[in-house]
N, C-alpha and C. Protein backbone atom coordinates (compact mmCIF):
# COMPACT_ATOMS: atom_id res chain seq x y z
N MET A 1 -5.58 -82.56 35.62
CA MET A 1 -6.04 -81.46 34.77
C MET A 1 -7.56 -81.33 34.84
N LYS A 2 -8.26 -82.49 34.82
CA LYS A 2 -9.72 -82.49 34.90
C LYS A 2 -10.18 -81.93 36.24
N ALA A 3 -9.44 -82.25 37.32
CA ALA A 3 -9.80 -81.73 38.63
C ALA A 3 -9.69 -80.22 38.68
N ILE A 4 -8.67 -79.66 38.02
CA ILE A 4 -8.50 -78.20 38.00
C ILE A 4 -9.64 -77.55 37.22
N VAL A 5 -10.01 -78.16 36.08
CA VAL A 5 -11.12 -77.62 35.28
C VAL A 5 -12.43 -77.67 36.06
N ASP A 6 -12.67 -78.80 36.74
CA ASP A 6 -13.90 -78.92 37.54
C ASP A 6 -13.95 -77.90 38.67
N LEU A 7 -12.81 -77.67 39.31
CA LEU A 7 -12.75 -76.68 40.39
C LEU A 7 -13.03 -75.28 39.85
N ALA A 8 -12.46 -74.96 38.68
CA ALA A 8 -12.70 -73.65 38.09
C ALA A 8 -14.17 -73.47 37.71
N VAL A 9 -14.78 -74.54 37.17
CA VAL A 9 -16.20 -74.45 36.79
C VAL A 9 -17.07 -74.26 38.02
N HIS A 10 -16.84 -75.02 39.07
CA HIS A 10 -17.66 -74.92 40.28
C HIS A 10 -17.42 -73.61 41.02
N THR A 11 -16.24 -73.03 40.86
CA THR A 11 -15.95 -71.77 41.56
C THR A 11 -16.43 -70.56 40.77
N LEU A 12 -16.11 -70.53 39.47
CA LEU A 12 -16.44 -69.37 38.65
C LEU A 12 -17.86 -69.42 38.11
N GLY A 13 -18.45 -70.62 38.02
CA GLY A 13 -19.80 -70.75 37.47
C GLY A 13 -20.83 -69.92 38.21
N PRO A 14 -20.97 -70.09 39.55
CA PRO A 14 -21.96 -69.28 40.27
C PRO A 14 -21.70 -67.78 40.19
N VAL A 15 -20.44 -67.39 40.21
CA VAL A 15 -20.12 -65.95 40.10
C VAL A 15 -20.56 -65.41 38.75
N LEU A 16 -20.25 -66.15 37.68
CA LEU A 16 -20.66 -65.73 36.34
C LEU A 16 -22.18 -65.69 36.22
N TYR A 17 -22.85 -66.64 36.85
CA TYR A 17 -24.32 -66.67 36.81
C TYR A 17 -24.91 -65.43 37.46
N VAL A 18 -24.39 -65.06 38.63
CA VAL A 18 -24.90 -63.87 39.33
C VAL A 18 -24.64 -62.60 38.51
N ILE A 19 -23.46 -62.52 37.89
CA ILE A 19 -23.15 -61.34 37.07
C ILE A 19 -24.10 -61.24 35.89
N LEU A 20 -24.37 -62.36 35.22
CA LEU A 20 -25.30 -62.35 34.09
C LEU A 20 -26.71 -62.02 34.55
N LEU A 21 -27.10 -62.53 35.71
CA LEU A 21 -28.43 -62.25 36.23
C LEU A 21 -28.60 -60.76 36.55
N LEU A 22 -27.61 -60.17 37.21
CA LEU A 22 -27.68 -58.74 37.52
C LEU A 22 -27.66 -57.90 36.25
N GLY A 23 -26.84 -58.30 35.26
CA GLY A 23 -26.79 -57.57 34.00
C GLY A 23 -28.12 -57.61 33.26
N ALA A 24 -28.78 -58.78 33.25
CA ALA A 24 -30.08 -58.89 32.59
C ALA A 24 -31.13 -58.06 33.31
N ALA A 25 -31.10 -58.07 34.65
CA ALA A 25 -32.06 -57.26 35.42
C ALA A 25 -31.83 -55.77 35.17
N LEU A 26 -30.57 -55.35 35.15
CA LEU A 26 -30.26 -53.95 34.88
C LEU A 26 -30.68 -53.57 33.46
N GLY A 27 -30.47 -54.46 32.50
CA GLY A 27 -30.91 -54.19 31.14
C GLY A 27 -32.41 -54.03 31.05
N LEU A 28 -33.14 -54.84 31.81
CA LEU A 28 -34.60 -54.72 31.82
C LEU A 28 -35.04 -53.36 32.37
N VAL A 29 -34.39 -52.92 33.45
CA VAL A 29 -34.73 -51.61 34.02
C VAL A 29 -34.42 -50.49 33.04
N ILE A 30 -33.25 -50.54 32.40
CA ILE A 30 -32.87 -49.50 31.44
C ILE A 30 -33.81 -49.51 30.24
N GLY A 31 -34.18 -50.71 29.76
CA GLY A 31 -35.11 -50.78 28.64
C GLY A 31 -36.46 -50.16 28.97
N ILE A 32 -36.98 -50.45 30.16
CA ILE A 32 -38.26 -49.85 30.57
C ILE A 32 -38.13 -48.34 30.69
N MET A 33 -37.02 -47.87 31.25
CA MET A 33 -36.82 -46.43 31.39
C MET A 33 -36.70 -45.74 30.03
N LEU A 34 -36.09 -46.41 29.04
CA LEU A 34 -36.00 -45.83 27.71
C LEU A 34 -37.37 -45.65 27.08
N VAL A 35 -38.26 -46.58 27.36
CA VAL A 35 -39.62 -46.48 26.82
C VAL A 35 -40.44 -45.44 27.57
N VAL A 36 -40.28 -45.41 28.89
CA VAL A 36 -41.11 -44.53 29.72
C VAL A 36 -40.54 -43.12 29.80
N ASN A 37 -39.25 -43.00 30.09
CA ASN A 37 -38.63 -41.68 30.31
C ASN A 37 -37.21 -41.71 29.74
N SER A 38 -37.09 -41.57 28.42
CA SER A 38 -35.78 -41.66 27.78
C SER A 38 -34.88 -40.49 28.15
N ALA A 39 -35.44 -39.32 28.44
CA ALA A 39 -34.63 -38.15 28.78
C ALA A 39 -33.81 -38.41 30.05
N LEU A 40 -34.39 -39.12 31.02
CA LEU A 40 -33.67 -39.43 32.25
C LEU A 40 -32.50 -40.36 31.97
N VAL A 41 -32.71 -41.35 31.11
CA VAL A 41 -31.62 -42.28 30.75
C VAL A 41 -30.51 -41.54 30.03
N MET A 42 -30.85 -40.59 29.17
CA MET A 42 -29.83 -39.80 28.47
C MET A 42 -29.02 -38.95 29.43
N ARG A 43 -29.68 -38.44 30.47
CA ARG A 43 -28.94 -37.66 31.48
C ARG A 43 -27.99 -38.57 32.26
N TRP A 44 -28.44 -39.80 32.57
CA TRP A 44 -27.54 -40.76 33.21
C TRP A 44 -26.34 -41.05 32.30
N ASN A 45 -26.62 -41.19 31.03
CA ASN A 45 -25.55 -41.49 30.08
C ASN A 45 -24.53 -40.36 30.02
N GLU A 46 -24.98 -39.11 30.06
CA GLU A 46 -24.05 -37.99 30.03
C GLU A 46 -23.17 -37.95 31.28
N VAL A 47 -23.75 -38.32 32.43
CA VAL A 47 -22.97 -38.33 33.67
C VAL A 47 -21.93 -39.45 33.65
N LEU A 48 -22.32 -40.63 33.14
CA LEU A 48 -21.43 -41.78 33.14
C LEU A 48 -20.47 -41.82 31.96
N ASN A 49 -20.71 -40.99 30.95
CA ASN A 49 -19.93 -41.04 29.72
C ASN A 49 -18.61 -40.29 29.91
N THR A 50 -17.70 -40.89 30.66
CA THR A 50 -16.38 -40.32 30.90
C THR A 50 -15.37 -40.97 29.96
N TRP A 51 -14.64 -40.15 29.21
CA TRP A 51 -13.70 -40.68 28.22
C TRP A 51 -12.34 -40.90 28.85
N ILE A 52 -11.79 -42.08 28.68
CA ILE A 52 -10.47 -42.41 29.22
C ILE A 52 -9.55 -42.69 28.04
N ALA A 53 -8.56 -41.83 27.84
CA ALA A 53 -7.63 -41.96 26.72
C ALA A 53 -6.48 -42.89 27.10
N THR A 54 -5.97 -43.60 26.09
CA THR A 54 -4.87 -44.54 26.31
C THR A 54 -3.50 -43.90 26.14
N GLY A 55 -3.47 -42.67 25.62
CA GLY A 55 -2.18 -42.04 25.34
C GLY A 55 -1.31 -41.88 26.57
N LYS A 56 -1.89 -41.41 27.67
CA LYS A 56 -1.11 -41.20 28.89
C LYS A 56 -0.63 -42.52 29.48
N ALA A 57 -1.47 -43.54 29.36
CA ALA A 57 -1.07 -44.84 29.90
C ALA A 57 0.09 -45.44 29.11
N LEU A 58 0.15 -45.15 27.81
CA LEU A 58 1.22 -45.73 26.97
C LEU A 58 2.51 -44.92 27.02
N GLN A 59 2.46 -43.72 27.60
CA GLN A 59 3.69 -42.91 27.66
C GLN A 59 4.78 -43.61 28.46
N THR A 60 4.38 -44.29 29.53
CA THR A 60 5.37 -45.01 30.34
C THR A 60 6.00 -46.15 29.55
N LEU A 61 5.18 -46.85 28.74
CA LEU A 61 5.71 -47.96 27.94
C LEU A 61 6.58 -47.46 26.80
N ASP A 62 6.31 -46.25 26.31
CA ASP A 62 7.08 -45.71 25.18
C ASP A 62 8.40 -45.06 25.63
N ARG A 63 8.59 -44.90 26.94
CA ARG A 63 9.81 -44.27 27.43
C ARG A 63 10.96 -45.28 27.38
N PRO A 64 12.03 -45.01 26.62
CA PRO A 64 13.13 -45.98 26.51
C PRO A 64 13.91 -46.12 27.82
N VAL A 65 14.35 -47.33 28.08
CA VAL A 65 15.16 -47.63 29.27
C VAL A 65 16.57 -47.95 28.80
N GLU A 66 17.53 -47.14 29.19
CA GLU A 66 18.92 -47.26 28.73
C GLU A 66 19.70 -48.18 29.67
N VAL A 67 20.18 -49.30 29.14
CA VAL A 67 20.97 -50.24 29.94
C VAL A 67 22.34 -50.51 29.31
N LYS A 68 22.58 -49.94 28.12
CA LYS A 68 23.85 -50.24 27.43
C LYS A 68 25.06 -49.78 28.23
N ARG A 69 24.95 -48.61 28.85
CA ARG A 69 26.10 -48.09 29.59
C ARG A 69 26.48 -49.01 30.74
N VAL A 70 25.48 -49.52 31.44
CA VAL A 70 25.75 -50.43 32.56
C VAL A 70 26.34 -51.74 32.06
N VAL A 71 25.78 -52.27 30.96
CA VAL A 71 26.25 -53.55 30.43
C VAL A 71 27.70 -53.45 29.97
N TYR A 72 28.03 -52.38 29.23
CA TYR A 72 29.40 -52.25 28.73
C TYR A 72 30.39 -51.89 29.84
N ARG A 73 29.92 -51.23 30.86
CA ARG A 73 30.82 -50.91 31.97
C ARG A 73 31.17 -52.16 32.76
N TRP A 74 30.20 -53.04 32.96
CA TRP A 74 30.42 -54.28 33.71
C TRP A 74 30.29 -55.49 32.77
N HIS A 75 30.87 -55.39 31.59
CA HIS A 75 30.64 -56.41 30.56
C HIS A 75 31.15 -57.78 30.97
N ARG A 76 32.27 -57.85 31.69
CA ARG A 76 32.79 -59.17 32.10
C ARG A 76 31.87 -59.83 33.11
N LEU A 77 31.40 -59.05 34.09
CA LEU A 77 30.49 -59.62 35.08
C LEU A 77 29.18 -60.07 34.44
N VAL A 78 28.62 -59.21 33.58
CA VAL A 78 27.38 -59.57 32.89
C VAL A 78 27.59 -60.79 32.00
N GLY A 79 28.75 -60.85 31.30
CA GLY A 79 29.04 -62.00 30.46
C GLY A 79 29.17 -63.29 31.23
N VAL A 80 29.85 -63.24 32.39
CA VAL A 80 30.01 -64.43 33.22
C VAL A 80 28.66 -64.91 33.75
N LEU A 81 27.82 -63.99 34.21
CA LEU A 81 26.49 -64.36 34.69
C LEU A 81 25.65 -64.97 33.56
N LEU A 82 25.76 -64.37 32.38
CA LEU A 82 25.02 -64.90 31.23
C LEU A 82 25.54 -66.28 30.83
N LEU A 83 26.86 -66.47 30.89
CA LEU A 83 27.44 -67.78 30.61
C LEU A 83 26.95 -68.83 31.59
N ALA A 84 26.96 -68.48 32.87
CA ALA A 84 26.53 -69.44 33.89
C ALA A 84 25.05 -69.81 33.69
N GLY A 85 24.21 -68.80 33.45
CA GLY A 85 22.79 -69.08 33.25
C GLY A 85 22.53 -69.90 32.00
N ALA A 86 23.25 -69.59 30.92
CA ALA A 86 23.07 -70.33 29.67
C ALA A 86 23.56 -71.76 29.80
N PHE A 87 24.71 -71.97 30.47
CA PHE A 87 25.23 -73.32 30.68
C PHE A 87 24.26 -74.17 31.52
N PHE A 88 23.75 -73.56 32.59
CA PHE A 88 22.82 -74.29 33.46
C PHE A 88 21.54 -74.66 32.71
N THR A 89 20.97 -73.70 31.98
CA THR A 89 19.74 -73.97 31.25
C THR A 89 19.96 -74.97 30.13
N LEU A 90 21.10 -74.83 29.44
CA LEU A 90 21.40 -75.75 28.34
C LEU A 90 21.59 -77.18 28.85
N ASP A 91 22.26 -77.32 29.98
CA ASP A 91 22.45 -78.64 30.57
C ASP A 91 21.11 -79.26 30.96
N ALA A 92 20.23 -78.44 31.56
CA ALA A 92 18.93 -78.95 31.98
C ALA A 92 18.07 -79.33 30.78
N LEU A 93 18.10 -78.53 29.72
CA LEU A 93 17.28 -78.81 28.55
C LEU A 93 17.80 -79.99 27.74
N ALA A 94 19.11 -80.09 27.62
CA ALA A 94 19.69 -81.13 26.76
C ALA A 94 19.79 -82.49 27.44
N PHE A 95 20.05 -82.52 28.76
CA PHE A 95 20.33 -83.79 29.43
C PHE A 95 19.37 -84.12 30.57
N GLY A 96 18.77 -83.12 31.18
CA GLY A 96 17.95 -83.41 32.36
C GLY A 96 16.47 -83.18 32.17
N PHE A 97 16.03 -82.91 30.95
CA PHE A 97 14.62 -82.60 30.73
C PHE A 97 14.07 -83.45 29.60
N THR A 98 12.91 -84.06 29.83
CA THR A 98 12.21 -84.81 28.78
C THR A 98 10.78 -84.29 28.69
N THR A 99 10.22 -84.43 27.50
CA THR A 99 8.86 -83.94 27.28
C THR A 99 7.80 -84.95 27.67
N THR A 100 8.21 -86.14 28.11
CA THR A 100 7.25 -87.19 28.44
C THR A 100 6.31 -86.77 29.56
N ALA A 101 6.87 -86.14 30.60
CA ALA A 101 6.03 -85.72 31.73
C ALA A 101 5.01 -84.67 31.31
N LEU A 102 5.42 -83.73 30.45
CA LEU A 102 4.49 -82.72 29.97
C LEU A 102 3.38 -83.33 29.13
N VAL A 103 3.74 -84.27 28.27
CA VAL A 103 2.73 -84.94 27.44
C VAL A 103 1.75 -85.68 28.32
N ARG A 104 2.25 -86.33 29.38
CA ARG A 104 1.36 -87.07 30.29
C ARG A 104 0.44 -86.11 31.04
N THR A 105 0.93 -84.93 31.38
CA THR A 105 0.12 -83.96 32.11
C THR A 105 -1.00 -83.39 31.26
N PHE A 106 -0.69 -83.09 29.98
CA PHE A 106 -1.66 -82.45 29.09
C PHE A 106 -2.30 -83.44 28.11
N ARG A 107 -2.25 -84.73 28.40
CA ARG A 107 -2.75 -85.72 27.44
C ARG A 107 -4.25 -85.59 27.21
N GLY A 108 -4.98 -85.03 28.16
CA GLY A 108 -6.42 -84.90 27.99
C GLY A 108 -6.83 -83.73 27.11
N THR A 109 -5.89 -82.88 26.72
CA THR A 109 -6.22 -81.69 25.93
C THR A 109 -6.04 -81.88 24.44
N GLY A 110 -5.44 -82.99 24.01
CA GLY A 110 -5.21 -83.20 22.58
C GLY A 110 -4.47 -84.49 22.31
N SER A 111 -4.08 -84.67 21.07
CA SER A 111 -3.37 -85.88 20.66
C SER A 111 -1.98 -85.92 21.29
N SER A 112 -1.60 -87.09 21.79
CA SER A 112 -0.30 -87.24 22.45
C SER A 112 0.85 -87.02 21.46
N ALA A 113 0.66 -87.45 20.21
CA ALA A 113 1.71 -87.27 19.21
C ALA A 113 1.94 -85.80 18.89
N ILE A 114 0.83 -85.06 18.76
CA ILE A 114 0.95 -83.62 18.47
C ILE A 114 1.56 -82.88 19.65
N LEU A 115 1.14 -83.25 20.87
CA LEU A 115 1.70 -82.62 22.06
C LEU A 115 3.20 -82.90 22.18
N ALA A 116 3.60 -84.13 21.92
CA ALA A 116 5.03 -84.48 21.98
C ALA A 116 5.82 -83.69 20.95
N LEU A 117 5.28 -83.56 19.74
CA LEU A 117 5.97 -82.79 18.70
C LEU A 117 6.06 -81.31 19.09
N LEU A 118 4.99 -80.77 19.66
CA LEU A 118 4.98 -79.36 20.07
C LEU A 118 6.00 -79.10 21.17
N PHE A 119 6.01 -79.92 22.21
CA PHE A 119 6.93 -79.71 23.33
C PHE A 119 8.38 -79.94 22.89
N GLU A 120 8.60 -80.90 22.02
CA GLU A 120 9.96 -81.16 21.55
C GLU A 120 10.46 -80.00 20.69
N THR A 121 9.56 -79.40 19.91
CA THR A 121 9.93 -78.23 19.10
C THR A 121 10.32 -77.06 20.00
N VAL A 122 9.54 -76.84 21.05
CA VAL A 122 9.86 -75.77 22.00
C VAL A 122 11.19 -76.03 22.68
N ARG A 123 11.45 -77.30 23.04
CA ARG A 123 12.72 -77.64 23.70
C ARG A 123 13.91 -77.37 22.79
N ILE A 124 13.80 -77.75 21.52
CA ILE A 124 14.89 -77.51 20.57
C ILE A 124 15.08 -76.01 20.35
N PHE A 125 13.99 -75.28 20.28
CA PHE A 125 14.08 -73.83 20.11
C PHE A 125 14.81 -73.19 21.30
N LEU A 126 14.51 -73.64 22.50
CA LEU A 126 15.19 -73.11 23.69
C LEU A 126 16.67 -73.49 23.71
N ILE A 127 16.98 -74.70 23.25
CA ILE A 127 18.39 -75.11 23.19
C ILE A 127 19.17 -74.23 22.23
N VAL A 128 18.59 -73.98 21.04
CA VAL A 128 19.26 -73.10 20.07
C VAL A 128 19.43 -71.70 20.64
N GLY A 129 18.41 -71.21 21.33
CA GLY A 129 18.51 -69.89 21.95
C GLY A 129 19.60 -69.80 23.00
N ASN A 130 19.75 -70.87 23.79
CA ASN A 130 20.81 -70.87 24.81
C ASN A 130 22.20 -71.00 24.21
N VAL A 131 22.33 -71.71 23.08
CA VAL A 131 23.62 -71.75 22.38
C VAL A 131 23.99 -70.36 21.89
N ALA A 132 23.01 -69.64 21.34
CA ALA A 132 23.26 -68.26 20.91
C ALA A 132 23.62 -67.38 22.10
N ALA A 133 22.98 -67.63 23.26
CA ALA A 133 23.31 -66.86 24.46
C ALA A 133 24.74 -67.15 24.92
N LEU A 134 25.19 -68.39 24.79
CA LEU A 134 26.57 -68.73 25.13
C LEU A 134 27.57 -67.96 24.27
N ILE A 135 27.27 -67.91 22.96
CA ILE A 135 28.17 -67.18 22.05
C ILE A 135 28.18 -65.70 22.40
N ALA A 136 27.00 -65.12 22.64
CA ALA A 136 26.93 -63.70 22.98
C ALA A 136 27.64 -63.41 24.29
N ALA A 137 27.52 -64.33 25.26
CA ALA A 137 28.19 -64.12 26.55
C ALA A 137 29.70 -64.18 26.40
N ALA A 138 30.20 -65.12 25.58
CA ALA A 138 31.65 -65.21 25.36
C ALA A 138 32.18 -63.95 24.69
N VAL A 139 31.43 -63.45 23.71
CA VAL A 139 31.85 -62.21 23.05
C VAL A 139 31.82 -61.05 24.03
N LEU A 140 30.79 -61.04 24.90
CA LEU A 140 30.67 -59.95 25.87
C LEU A 140 31.82 -59.97 26.87
N VAL A 141 32.34 -61.14 27.19
CA VAL A 141 33.45 -61.22 28.14
C VAL A 141 34.77 -60.79 27.49
N PHE A 142 35.03 -61.26 26.26
CA PHE A 142 36.35 -61.07 25.66
C PHE A 142 36.41 -59.93 24.64
N ARG A 143 35.39 -59.79 23.80
CA ARG A 143 35.41 -58.74 22.78
C ARG A 143 34.05 -58.07 22.68
N PRO A 144 33.67 -57.25 23.66
CA PRO A 144 32.34 -56.63 23.64
C PRO A 144 32.13 -55.69 22.45
N SER A 145 33.22 -55.19 21.86
CA SER A 145 33.08 -54.28 20.72
C SER A 145 32.45 -54.97 19.51
N LEU A 146 32.55 -56.31 19.44
CA LEU A 146 31.96 -57.03 18.31
C LEU A 146 30.43 -56.98 18.33
N LEU A 147 29.84 -56.72 19.50
CA LEU A 147 28.39 -56.68 19.60
C LEU A 147 27.81 -55.34 19.18
N LYS A 148 28.64 -54.33 19.02
CA LYS A 148 28.11 -53.00 18.73
C LYS A 148 27.44 -52.95 17.36
N GLY A 149 27.97 -53.70 16.39
CA GLY A 149 27.34 -53.72 15.08
C GLY A 149 25.96 -54.36 15.12
N VAL A 150 25.87 -55.49 15.82
CA VAL A 150 24.57 -56.16 15.97
C VAL A 150 23.62 -55.29 16.79
N GLU A 151 24.17 -54.65 17.81
CA GLU A 151 23.34 -53.80 18.66
C GLU A 151 22.78 -52.61 17.88
N GLY A 152 23.61 -52.01 17.03
CA GLY A 152 23.14 -50.89 16.22
C GLY A 152 22.03 -51.29 15.27
N TRP A 153 22.09 -52.55 14.78
CA TRP A 153 21.04 -53.03 13.88
C TRP A 153 19.75 -53.36 14.64
N ALA A 154 19.90 -53.91 15.85
CA ALA A 154 18.73 -54.37 16.59
C ALA A 154 18.15 -53.32 17.53
N ASP A 155 18.90 -52.25 17.81
CA ASP A 155 18.46 -51.25 18.79
C ASP A 155 17.46 -50.30 18.14
N ARG A 156 16.19 -50.71 18.17
CA ARG A 156 15.13 -49.90 17.58
C ARG A 156 14.03 -49.67 18.61
N SER A 157 13.31 -48.61 18.40
CA SER A 157 12.22 -48.26 19.31
C SER A 157 10.89 -48.35 18.57
N TYR A 158 9.93 -48.98 19.20
CA TYR A 158 8.60 -49.12 18.63
C TYR A 158 7.59 -48.46 19.57
N SER A 159 6.80 -47.56 19.02
CA SER A 159 5.83 -46.83 19.81
C SER A 159 4.42 -47.33 19.52
N GLY A 160 3.62 -47.39 20.58
CA GLY A 160 2.24 -47.81 20.41
C GLY A 160 1.27 -46.66 20.24
N ARG A 161 1.79 -45.43 20.17
CA ARG A 161 0.89 -44.28 20.11
C ARG A 161 0.13 -44.22 18.79
N GLU A 162 0.81 -44.54 17.68
CA GLU A 162 0.14 -44.45 16.39
C GLU A 162 -1.02 -45.45 16.32
N SER A 163 -0.81 -46.65 16.82
CA SER A 163 -1.89 -47.63 16.78
C SER A 163 -2.99 -47.32 17.77
N SER A 164 -2.68 -46.57 18.84
CA SER A 164 -3.70 -46.26 19.84
C SER A 164 -4.47 -44.98 19.53
N GLU A 165 -4.05 -44.22 18.52
CA GLU A 165 -4.75 -42.98 18.21
C GLU A 165 -6.19 -43.25 17.79
N LYS A 166 -6.41 -44.35 17.06
CA LYS A 166 -7.78 -44.67 16.64
C LYS A 166 -8.65 -45.05 17.83
N LEU A 167 -8.03 -45.62 18.87
CA LEU A 167 -8.80 -45.95 20.07
C LEU A 167 -9.22 -44.71 20.84
N ASP A 168 -8.46 -43.62 20.69
CA ASP A 168 -8.74 -42.40 21.43
C ASP A 168 -9.77 -41.50 20.74
N LEU A 169 -10.22 -41.87 19.55
CA LEU A 169 -11.24 -41.07 18.86
C LEU A 169 -12.60 -41.36 19.50
N MET A 170 -13.31 -40.30 19.84
CA MET A 170 -14.63 -40.44 20.46
C MET A 170 -15.68 -40.66 19.36
N ARG A 171 -16.48 -41.69 19.54
CA ARG A 171 -17.53 -42.02 18.58
C ARG A 171 -18.89 -41.93 19.27
N TYR A 172 -19.72 -41.02 18.80
CA TYR A 172 -21.02 -40.76 19.42
C TYR A 172 -22.17 -41.41 18.65
N GLN A 173 -21.87 -42.22 17.62
CA GLN A 173 -22.93 -42.79 16.80
C GLN A 173 -23.91 -43.64 17.61
N PRO A 174 -23.45 -44.51 18.54
CA PRO A 174 -24.43 -45.28 19.34
C PRO A 174 -25.32 -44.39 20.18
N ASP A 175 -24.76 -43.33 20.80
CA ASP A 175 -25.58 -42.42 21.61
C ASP A 175 -26.62 -41.71 20.75
N GLU A 176 -26.20 -41.27 19.56
CA GLU A 176 -27.13 -40.58 18.68
C GLU A 176 -28.22 -41.51 18.19
N PHE A 177 -27.86 -42.77 17.92
CA PHE A 177 -28.86 -43.74 17.46
C PHE A 177 -29.92 -43.98 18.54
N VAL A 178 -29.47 -44.14 19.81
CA VAL A 178 -30.41 -44.36 20.91
C VAL A 178 -31.25 -43.12 21.15
N ARG A 179 -30.64 -41.95 21.07
CA ARG A 179 -31.38 -40.71 21.29
C ARG A 179 -32.46 -40.50 20.23
N ALA A 180 -32.20 -40.94 19.00
CA ALA A 180 -33.17 -40.77 17.92
C ALA A 180 -34.29 -41.80 17.98
N ARG A 181 -34.02 -43.00 18.54
CA ARG A 181 -35.03 -44.07 18.57
C ARG A 181 -35.08 -44.70 19.96
N PRO A 182 -35.42 -43.94 21.00
CA PRO A 182 -35.37 -44.49 22.36
C PRO A 182 -36.37 -45.61 22.60
N LYS A 183 -37.59 -45.50 22.06
CA LYS A 183 -38.59 -46.52 22.31
C LYS A 183 -38.25 -47.83 21.60
N VAL A 184 -37.75 -47.74 20.37
CA VAL A 184 -37.38 -48.96 19.64
C VAL A 184 -36.22 -49.67 20.35
N VAL A 185 -35.20 -48.89 20.72
CA VAL A 185 -34.06 -49.49 21.42
C VAL A 185 -34.49 -50.05 22.77
N GLY A 186 -35.37 -49.32 23.47
CA GLY A 186 -35.87 -49.79 24.76
C GLY A 186 -36.62 -51.10 24.64
N ALA A 187 -37.44 -51.23 23.59
CA ALA A 187 -38.19 -52.47 23.38
C ALA A 187 -37.25 -53.64 23.09
N VAL A 188 -36.22 -53.39 22.27
CA VAL A 188 -35.25 -54.45 21.95
C VAL A 188 -34.50 -54.87 23.22
N VAL A 189 -34.11 -53.89 24.05
CA VAL A 189 -33.39 -54.20 25.29
C VAL A 189 -34.28 -54.98 26.25
N ILE A 190 -35.55 -54.62 26.32
CA ILE A 190 -36.49 -55.33 27.20
C ILE A 190 -36.63 -56.79 26.76
N LEU A 191 -36.82 -57.00 25.45
CA LEU A 191 -36.96 -58.36 24.93
C LEU A 191 -35.69 -59.18 25.17
N GLY A 192 -34.53 -58.57 24.93
CA GLY A 192 -33.28 -59.28 25.16
C GLY A 192 -33.07 -59.62 26.63
N SER A 193 -33.42 -58.70 27.51
CA SER A 193 -33.26 -58.94 28.95
C SER A 193 -34.22 -60.01 29.44
N LEU A 194 -35.48 -59.98 28.95
CA LEU A 194 -36.44 -61.02 29.33
C LEU A 194 -35.99 -62.39 28.84
N TYR A 195 -35.46 -62.44 27.63
CA TYR A 195 -34.95 -63.71 27.10
C TYR A 195 -33.80 -64.23 27.96
N ALA A 196 -32.88 -63.32 28.33
CA ALA A 196 -31.74 -63.73 29.17
C ALA A 196 -32.22 -64.20 30.54
N LEU A 197 -33.18 -63.48 31.14
CA LEU A 197 -33.70 -63.89 32.44
C LEU A 197 -34.42 -65.23 32.37
N PHE A 198 -35.15 -65.45 31.28
CA PHE A 198 -35.83 -66.74 31.09
C PHE A 198 -34.82 -67.88 30.95
N GLY A 199 -33.77 -67.64 30.15
CA GLY A 199 -32.75 -68.67 30.00
C GLY A 199 -31.99 -68.94 31.28
N LEU A 200 -31.69 -67.90 32.06
CA LEU A 200 -31.00 -68.10 33.34
C LEU A 200 -31.91 -68.81 34.34
N GLY A 201 -33.22 -68.53 34.24
CA GLY A 201 -34.15 -69.21 35.13
C GLY A 201 -34.22 -70.70 34.84
N LEU A 202 -34.10 -71.08 33.56
CA LEU A 202 -34.14 -72.50 33.21
C LEU A 202 -32.92 -73.24 33.76
N LEU A 203 -31.79 -72.52 33.91
CA LEU A 203 -30.59 -73.17 34.44
C LEU A 203 -30.74 -73.59 35.89
N LEU A 204 -31.67 -72.94 36.61
CA LEU A 204 -31.86 -73.29 38.02
C LEU A 204 -32.67 -74.57 38.21
N ARG A 205 -33.35 -75.00 37.16
CA ARG A 205 -34.19 -76.19 37.29
C ARG A 205 -33.35 -77.47 37.22
């Protein structure tokens, strides 16, 4: 685990450093331009200020996918496949799987006792889920009509459009604030960029 973390640090560290360095340099240029020629920066902002709404992207996720007809038409085949998968998983979880190896793998991330309790809880949860899958598969093979009541209760649709409407509202307050105080904002950006460049420079020593 430590070797993986070290590899990630050595690989992603220089990339992150270059990105921060370029961002600080760009911030310094923008800050100077805000002080010297704020109108030009505002024109750049108008060109780059393209609004991307999430509504169209969520339409595909909100479109329901109907599988009930296929399941009920081939209910015995689906039930047998579900039975086989549940039996195999249940056998592996109950008799062929122990949490000791997982605890040994992740022992450097926390207490061994807490990790053992966490993995054992997940294992028991999966076992209970597979027992429920066995019962559902047996019902699907022999009496699929018994599932219609449960299906009618659980068959609900949840849309993300209502929660995403607030994300699609355009807010111009930051643009208006910068437009009203370009020199003050430019000075703050210059100081922040110089501080970031100074701190990044110290990392090279």
